[in-house]
Amino acid sequence: MNEVRTARPAFLEKHDAIYFIASPPRCGSTAFARVFWEHPTVKYYSHEPFEITYYDNQPLEAVYEKLLEPLDISVIKNNGLEPNANALVIKEMPYQVGANFGMAANWVKQPIIFLIRDPRLNIYSRMMKKKETGDSIFFPLQETGWELINGQIDFCTQNGIDHIIVDSNDFRNHPIPIFTQVFEKLGLQFSPSMLNWQPTDIEIDNLDGTHSHLYYKVLSSKSIRPATESIPDLMDFPKEHGIRTHVVKAMEIYHQLSEHKHRIKHDVP
């Protein structure tokens, strides 16, 4: 991620606009992306295409092939679609795109969108989702996404790549002012009607359904749910494997990013 790569795979020629959303796990990124699905210029969606390189060690060519055949969301849109609309939304996790972030950042002309959420909420939620399926709650700490997203935001700053930061609580509790500003930054019109959609049972997981349980609520929803979750106490995180220490470090990053000049705030006129 030390320099911007200039390779242009074939899928880039198919879209007039590409919007890139990067988010740590459990920050509401799929719900955030669903609002984009309802924009009249957006017809395609690619859900974490780099997932297959991280979990299955597949080559970049497999990512390019996946991006050549993104999900056509025109059949499930609640709002209308403009004639000749072909915009693509890519949603990705910092640890999955990893060292390929610089290349991916070079794919888009619009500002990159980074989502954040109180780390006590997103890390604890991921632990509970692991427990829910019988997996160990201990996972590689880079998968919380905090150190990586901080580095990716720094990369954008150092390379003059336009970007914005959105807090999950903000867009969930104040969707109209937040999305109005987000879409304005992207040069798009926002309508409150985009905050409502129809439940769907489409498959967005790339790993034969391994992660399908993570998306059931958002895919079966009709709109964004307000953020009402209680924040776990630091003592709720085990010391083992450095999790509690990592949460403290993640909180420091979160507070820094919360004060970042590119953060979208709901109280801005």
Protein backbone atom coordinates (compact mmCIF):
# COMPACT_ATOMS: atom_id res chain seq x y z
CA MET A 1 0.00 0.00 0.00
CA ASN A 2 3.02 2.27 -0.38
CA GLU A 3 2.02 3.60 -3.80
CA VAL A 4 -1.03 3.91 -6.00
CA ARG A 5 -1.10 1.15 -8.58
CA THR A 6 -2.30 2.04 -12.07
CA ALA A 7 -3.46 -1.33 -13.44
CA ARG A 8 -6.97 -1.10 -14.90
CA PRO A 9 -8.82 -4.41 -15.05
CA ALA A 10 -11.55 -4.87 -17.64
CA PHE A 11 -14.51 -4.42 -15.30
CA LEU A 12 -13.68 -0.73 -14.88
CA GLU A 13 -14.74 -0.03 -18.47
CA LYS A 14 -18.28 -1.24 -17.75
CA HIS A 15 -19.23 1.45 -15.22
CA ASP A 16 -19.61 5.20 -15.44
CA ALA A 17 -19.15 5.45 -11.67
CA ILE A 18 -17.81 3.18 -8.93
CA TYR A 19 -18.40 3.85 -5.23
CA PHE A 20 -16.10 2.18 -2.70
CA ILE A 21 -17.12 1.62 0.93
CA ALA A 22 -14.49 0.36 3.40
CA SER A 23 -15.56 -0.67 6.89
CA PRO A 24 -14.43 -2.78 9.85
CA PRO A 25 -16.74 -5.76 10.51
CA ARG A 26 -20.04 -5.14 12.32
CA CYS A 27 -20.24 -1.42 11.55
CA GLY A 28 -23.49 -1.55 9.59
CA SER A 29 -21.76 -1.39 6.23
CA THR A 30 -24.23 -3.65 4.42
CA ALA A 31 -27.15 -1.52 5.64
CA PHE A 32 -25.23 1.58 4.56
CA ALA A 33 -24.69 0.03 1.13
CA ARG A 34 -28.39 -0.83 0.83
CA VAL A 35 -29.19 2.89 0.74
CA PHE A 36 -26.88 3.10 -2.29
CA TRP A 37 -28.76 0.21 -3.90
CA GLU A 38 -31.80 2.48 -4.01
CA HIS A 39 -30.11 5.31 -5.88
CA PRO A 40 -31.49 5.53 -9.45
CA THR A 41 -27.99 5.51 -10.99
CA VAL A 42 -26.84 2.36 -9.15
CA LYS A 43 -27.50 -0.97 -10.82
CA TYR A 44 -24.69 -3.21 -9.55
CA TYR A 45 -23.25 -4.27 -6.20
CA SER A 46 -20.16 -6.27 -5.29
CA HIS A 47 -20.04 -7.56 -1.74
CA GLU A 48 -16.51 -7.91 -0.38
CA PRO A 49 -14.88 -9.24 -3.56
CA PHE A 50 -11.48 -9.51 -1.83
CA GLU A 51 -12.97 -11.98 0.66
CA ILE A 52 -11.89 -14.85 -1.56
CA THR A 53 -8.25 -13.74 -1.51
CA TYR A 54 -8.19 -13.54 2.28
CA TYR A 55 -10.04 -16.72 3.20
CA ASP A 56 -9.46 -18.92 0.13
CA ASN A 57 -6.07 -17.57 -1.02
CA GLN A 58 -7.45 -17.02 -4.52
CA PRO A 59 -5.46 -14.76 -6.88
CA LEU A 60 -6.40 -11.22 -7.85
CA GLU A 61 -7.63 -12.53 -11.19
CA ALA A 62 -10.50 -14.21 -9.30
CA VAL A 63 -11.43 -10.84 -7.80
CA TYR A 64 -11.44 -9.27 -11.26
CA GLU A 65 -13.68 -12.06 -12.55
CA LYS A 66 -16.09 -11.52 -9.67
CA LEU A 67 -16.17 -7.80 -10.38
CA LEU A 68 -16.93 -8.49 -14.03
CA GLU A 69 -20.17 -10.14 -12.88
CA PRO A 70 -21.43 -8.08 -9.93
CA LEU A 71 -24.87 -8.54 -8.43
CA ASP A 72 -27.55 -6.91 -10.58
CA ILE A 73 -29.76 -5.22 -7.99
CA SER A 74 -32.21 -3.69 -10.47
CA VAL A 75 -34.64 -6.56 -9.81
CA ILE A 76 -34.88 -5.81 -6.09
CA LYS A 77 -34.82 -2.01 -6.08
CA ASN A 78 -37.68 -0.26 -4.31
CA ASN A 79 -36.89 3.00 -6.11
CA GLY A 80 -36.67 3.44 -9.86
CA LEU A 81 -33.65 3.00 -12.10
CA GLU A 82 -32.51 5.60 -14.61
CA PRO A 83 -32.17 4.53 -18.25
CA ASN A 84 -28.62 3.33 -18.96
CA ALA A 85 -27.77 3.33 -15.23
CA ASN A 86 -24.65 1.23 -14.62
CA ALA A 87 -22.99 2.52 -11.44
CA LEU A 88 -21.31 -0.08 -9.23
CA VAL A 89 -21.02 -0.11 -5.42
CA ILE A 90 -18.16 -2.10 -3.90
CA LYS A 91 -18.24 -2.79 -0.16
CA GLU A 92 -15.10 -4.19 1.45
CA MET A 93 -13.38 -4.95 4.77
CA PRO A 94 -9.96 -3.40 5.54
CA TYR A 95 -8.32 -6.74 6.36
CA GLN A 96 -9.65 -8.47 3.26
CA VAL A 97 -8.50 -5.85 0.76
CA GLY A 98 -5.30 -5.49 2.79
CA ALA A 99 -2.23 -4.65 0.71
CA ASN A 100 -4.46 -4.29 -2.36
CA PHE A 101 -6.12 -1.17 -0.98
CA GLY A 102 -3.90 1.19 -2.98
CA MET A 103 -4.89 -0.56 -6.18
CA ALA A 104 -8.59 -0.51 -5.29
CA ALA A 105 -8.42 3.16 -4.33
CA ASN A 106 -7.12 3.89 -7.81
CA TRP A 107 -10.24 2.35 -9.35
CA VAL A 108 -12.60 5.08 -8.18
CA LYS A 109 -12.96 8.75 -9.06
CA GLN A 110 -15.47 9.52 -6.32
CA PRO A 111 -14.49 9.93 -2.65
CA ILE A 112 -13.87 6.68 -0.80
CA ILE A 113 -16.26 6.15 2.10
CA PHE A 114 -14.88 4.84 5.41
CA LEU A 115 -17.30 3.69 8.10
CA ILE A 116 -16.47 3.62 11.80
CA ARG A 117 -18.28 2.52 14.97
CA ASP A 118 -17.42 2.44 18.66
CA PRO A 119 -14.92 -0.47 18.78
CA ARG A 120 -16.51 -1.85 21.92
CA LEU A 121 -19.64 -2.42 19.86
CA ASN A 122 -18.16 -3.75 16.62
CA ILE A 123 -15.55 -6.00 18.27
CA TYR A 124 -17.97 -7.40 20.85
CA SER A 125 -20.57 -8.00 18.14
CA ARG A 126 -18.05 -9.96 16.09
CA MET A 127 -17.11 -12.04 19.12
CA MET A 128 -20.77 -12.86 19.75
CA LYS A 129 -21.35 -13.77 16.10
CA LYS A 130 -18.39 -16.15 16.33
CA LYS A 131 -19.82 -17.68 19.48
CA GLU A 132 -23.26 -17.95 17.88
CA THR A 133 -21.93 -20.36 15.25
CA GLY A 134 -19.74 -22.35 17.65
CA ASP A 135 -16.48 -20.70 16.56
CA SER A 136 -13.84 -19.43 18.92
CA ILE A 137 -14.29 -15.81 19.96
CA PHE A 138 -10.54 -15.39 19.51
CA PHE A 139 -9.60 -14.34 15.98
CA PRO A 140 -6.67 -12.50 14.39
CA LEU A 141 -6.79 -8.98 15.79
CA GLN A 142 -6.18 -7.43 12.37
CA GLU A 143 -9.70 -8.61 11.53
CA THR A 144 -11.21 -5.98 13.83
CA GLY A 145 -10.12 -3.62 11.07
CA TRP A 146 -9.03 -0.71 13.24
CA GLU A 147 -5.31 -0.45 12.66
CA LEU A 148 -5.79 -1.21 8.97
CA ILE A 149 -8.56 1.32 8.33
CA ASN A 150 -6.47 3.93 10.13
CA GLY A 151 -3.60 3.15 7.78
CA GLN A 152 -5.86 3.21 4.73
CA ILE A 153 -7.21 6.63 5.67
CA ASP A 154 -3.62 7.84 6.13
CA PHE A 155 -2.82 6.40 2.69
CA CYS A 156 -5.63 8.43 1.14
CA THR A 157 -4.42 11.58 2.88
CA GLN A 158 -0.82 11.08 1.80
CA ASN A 159 -1.78 10.36 -1.81
CA GLY A 160 -4.39 13.07 -2.23
CA ILE A 161 -7.26 10.57 -2.55
CA ASP A 162 -10.56 12.18 -1.61
CA HIS A 163 -12.42 10.40 1.18
CA ILE A 164 -15.08 10.81 3.85
CA ILE A 165 -15.65 9.17 7.24
CA VAL A 166 -19.09 8.23 8.57
CA ASP A 167 -19.92 6.95 12.03
CA SER A 168 -22.38 4.06 12.11
CA ASN A 169 -24.36 5.60 14.97
CA ASP A 170 -24.71 8.82 13.00
CA PHE A 171 -26.13 7.30 9.83
CA ARG A 172 -28.42 4.98 11.79
CA ASN A 173 -29.81 7.65 14.13
CA HIS A 174 -29.70 10.61 11.74
CA PRO A 175 -30.00 9.06 8.28
CA ILE A 176 -31.44 12.01 6.37
CA PRO A 177 -28.81 14.65 7.28
CA ILE A 178 -25.97 12.13 7.03
CA PHE A 179 -26.90 10.63 3.67
CA THR A 180 -27.75 14.04 2.27
CA GLN A 181 -24.16 15.10 2.95
CA VAL A 182 -22.66 11.78 1.81
CA PHE A 183 -24.40 11.85 -1.56
CA GLU A 184 -23.62 15.53 -2.00
CA LYS A 185 -19.92 14.69 -1.55
CA LEU A 186 -20.32 12.08 -4.29
CA GLY A 187 -22.09 14.51 -6.61
CA LEU A 188 -25.41 12.69 -6.31
CA GLN A 189 -28.92 13.67 -5.28
CA PHE A 190 -30.35 12.03 -2.17
CA SER A 191 -34.02 11.30 -1.56
CA PRO A 192 -35.47 10.07 1.77
CA SER A 193 -37.30 7.41 -0.27
CA MET A 194 -33.93 5.66 -0.59
CA LEU A 195 -34.11 4.82 3.11
CA ASN A 196 -36.84 2.24 2.46
CA TRP A 197 -36.54 -1.04 0.58
CA GLN A 198 -38.00 -4.51 0.22
CA PRO A 199 -36.70 -7.58 2.08
CA THR A 200 -34.73 -9.93 -0.13
CA ASP A 201 -33.18 -13.39 0.13
CA ILE A 202 -30.37 -12.84 -2.34
CA GLU A 203 -27.03 -14.49 -1.54
CA ILE A 204 -24.18 -12.03 -1.10
CA ASP A 205 -21.67 -14.31 0.65
CA ASN A 206 -18.69 -15.39 -1.46
CA LEU A 207 -17.77 -18.45 0.60
CA ASP A 208 -20.58 -20.92 -0.14
CA GLY A 209 -22.81 -19.50 2.56
CA THR A 210 -20.22 -19.55 5.35
CA HIS A 211 -21.02 -15.96 6.30
CA SER A 212 -24.68 -15.83 5.26
CA HIS A 213 -25.83 -15.64 8.89
CA LEU A 214 -24.11 -12.26 9.19
CA TYR A 215 -26.44 -10.67 6.65
CA TYR A 216 -29.83 -12.17 7.50
CA LYS A 217 -31.09 -9.18 9.51
CA VAL A 218 -30.11 -6.52 7.02
CA LEU A 219 -31.34 -8.45 3.99
CA SER A 220 -34.69 -9.12 5.68
CA SER A 221 -35.05 -5.52 6.82
CA LYS A 222 -37.12 -2.74 5.26
CA SER A 223 -35.07 0.24 6.43
CA ILE A 224 -32.15 1.28 8.61
CA ARG A 225 -32.55 0.36 12.27
CA PRO A 226 -31.69 3.01 14.90
CA ALA A 227 -28.57 2.42 16.98
CA THR A 228 -29.86 1.39 20.41
CA GLU A 229 -27.26 -1.21 21.44
CA SER A 230 -25.75 -0.93 24.92
CA ILE A 231 -22.00 -0.35 24.92
CA PRO A 232 -20.12 -3.24 26.58
CA ASP A 233 -17.81 -2.53 29.48
CA LEU A 234 -14.09 -2.92 28.85
CA MET A 235 -14.11 -5.73 31.42
CA ASP A 236 -16.46 -7.67 29.14
CA PHE A 237 -13.49 -8.29 26.85
CA PRO A 238 -11.08 -11.07 27.84
CA LYS A 239 -7.41 -10.36 28.46
CA GLU A 240 -6.47 -13.51 26.54
CA HIS A 241 -4.87 -13.07 23.15
CA GLY A 242 -4.53 -9.35 23.81
CA ILE A 243 -8.18 -8.58 23.04
CA ARG A 244 -8.76 -6.12 25.89
CA THR A 245 -5.53 -4.27 25.13
CA HIS A 246 -6.48 -4.18 21.46
CA VAL A 247 -9.89 -2.69 22.27
CA VAL A 248 -8.17 0.12 24.18
CA LYS A 249 -5.93 0.82 21.16
CA ALA A 250 -8.92 0.66 18.83
CA MET A 251 -10.74 3.18 21.01
CA GLU A 252 -7.82 5.58 20.62
CA ILE A 253 -8.01 5.23 16.83
CA TYR A 254 -11.79 5.64 16.91
CA HIS A 255 -11.59 8.87 18.89
CA GLN A 256 -8.94 10.24 16.53
CA LEU A 257 -11.04 9.41 13.48
CA SER A 258 -14.13 10.88 15.15
CA GLU A 259 -12.34 14.23 15.15
CA HIS A 260 -11.02 13.83 11.60
CA LYS A 261 -11.71 16.78 9.32
CA HIS A 262 -13.30 14.47 6.73
CA ARG A 263 -15.88 13.01 9.10
CA ILE A 264 -19.48 13.71 8.13
CA LYS A 265 -21.42 15.05 11.12
CA HIS A 266 -25.18 15.10 11.54
CA ASP A 267 -25.25 18.51 13.20
CA VAL A 268 -23.66 20.32 10.26
CA PRO A 269 -26.21 22.73 8.67
